N, C-alpha and C. Protein backbone atom coordinates (compact mmCIF):
# COMPACT_ATOMS: atom_id res chain seq x y z
N MET A 1 -8.41 0.68 13.10
CA MET A 1 -8.81 0.68 11.71
C MET A 1 -7.56 0.65 10.84
N THR A 2 -7.55 -0.23 9.86
CA THR A 2 -6.42 -0.35 8.95
C THR A 2 -6.54 0.69 7.85
N LYS A 3 -5.44 1.39 7.59
CA LYS A 3 -5.40 2.38 6.52
C LYS A 3 -4.56 1.83 5.38
N TYR A 4 -5.07 1.95 4.16
CA TYR A 4 -4.38 1.47 2.98
C TYR A 4 -3.92 2.65 2.14
N ALA A 5 -2.84 2.45 1.40
CA ALA A 5 -2.32 3.49 0.51
C ALA A 5 -2.10 2.88 -0.86
N ARG A 6 -2.31 3.70 -1.88
CA ARG A 6 -2.00 3.33 -3.26
C ARG A 6 -0.91 4.28 -3.70
N PHE A 7 0.17 3.75 -4.27
CA PHE A 7 1.29 4.61 -4.63
C PHE A 7 2.00 4.07 -5.86
N LEU A 8 2.86 4.90 -6.43
CA LEU A 8 3.64 4.53 -7.60
C LEU A 8 5.04 4.13 -7.15
N ALA A 9 5.46 2.91 -7.50
CA ALA A 9 6.78 2.42 -7.12
C ALA A 9 7.44 1.78 -8.34
N HIS A 10 8.57 2.31 -8.75
CA HIS A 10 9.32 1.77 -9.89
C HIS A 10 8.47 1.72 -11.15
N GLY A 11 7.62 2.73 -11.33
CA GLY A 11 6.80 2.82 -12.53
C GLY A 11 5.54 1.97 -12.51
N GLU A 12 5.24 1.32 -11.40
CA GLU A 12 4.05 0.48 -11.28
C GLU A 12 3.23 0.90 -10.07
N VAL A 13 1.91 0.72 -10.17
CA VAL A 13 1.03 1.03 -9.05
C VAL A 13 1.17 -0.08 -8.01
N ALA A 14 1.32 0.32 -6.75
CA ALA A 14 1.46 -0.63 -5.65
C ALA A 14 0.51 -0.23 -4.52
N TYR A 15 0.24 -1.17 -3.63
CA TYR A 15 -0.63 -0.94 -2.48
C TYR A 15 0.13 -1.27 -1.21
N GLY A 16 -0.26 -0.62 -0.13
CA GLY A 16 0.40 -0.89 1.13
C GLY A 16 -0.48 -0.55 2.31
N VAL A 17 -0.04 -0.98 3.48
CA VAL A 17 -0.73 -0.71 4.74
C VAL A 17 0.06 0.39 5.45
N VAL A 18 -0.64 1.43 5.87
CA VAL A 18 -0.01 2.55 6.57
C VAL A 18 0.17 2.16 8.03
N GLU A 19 1.43 2.20 8.49
CA GLU A 19 1.76 1.89 9.89
C GLU A 19 2.56 3.06 10.44
N GLY A 20 1.88 3.95 11.14
CA GLY A 20 2.54 5.15 11.66
C GLY A 20 2.95 6.06 10.53
N ASP A 21 4.26 6.30 10.40
CA ASP A 21 4.74 7.18 9.33
C ASP A 21 5.38 6.39 8.19
N THR A 22 5.13 5.08 8.13
CA THR A 22 5.66 4.25 7.04
C THR A 22 4.52 3.51 6.34
N VAL A 23 4.82 3.04 5.13
CA VAL A 23 3.86 2.24 4.37
C VAL A 23 4.52 0.90 4.07
N LYS A 24 3.88 -0.18 4.48
CA LYS A 24 4.40 -1.53 4.24
C LYS A 24 3.69 -2.10 3.02
N GLN A 25 4.43 -2.34 1.96
CA GLN A 25 3.84 -2.80 0.70
C GLN A 25 3.22 -4.18 0.87
N ILE A 26 2.04 -4.37 0.25
CA ILE A 26 1.38 -5.67 0.23
C ILE A 26 1.36 -6.17 -1.22
N THR A 27 1.18 -7.47 -1.40
CA THR A 27 1.31 -8.06 -2.73
C THR A 27 0.05 -7.99 -3.58
N ALA A 28 -1.11 -7.81 -2.97
CA ALA A 28 -2.37 -7.75 -3.71
C ALA A 28 -3.14 -6.50 -3.32
N ALA A 29 -4.02 -6.07 -4.21
CA ALA A 29 -4.87 -4.92 -3.90
C ALA A 29 -5.76 -5.28 -2.70
N PRO A 30 -6.01 -4.35 -1.80
CA PRO A 30 -6.77 -4.65 -0.58
C PRO A 30 -8.23 -5.02 -0.83
N TYR A 31 -8.75 -4.70 -1.99
CA TYR A 31 -10.16 -4.98 -2.27
C TYR A 31 -10.35 -6.33 -2.96
N GLU A 32 -9.29 -7.06 -3.22
CA GLU A 32 -9.40 -8.37 -3.88
C GLU A 32 -9.52 -9.47 -2.86
């Protein structure tokens, strides 16, 4: 199962995929 994260980066909201203990940023919201 893929886990997604929403976080604040450089003053902007960003989304990413959780891979172990890291989050890999993605370019679009996962629900779009």
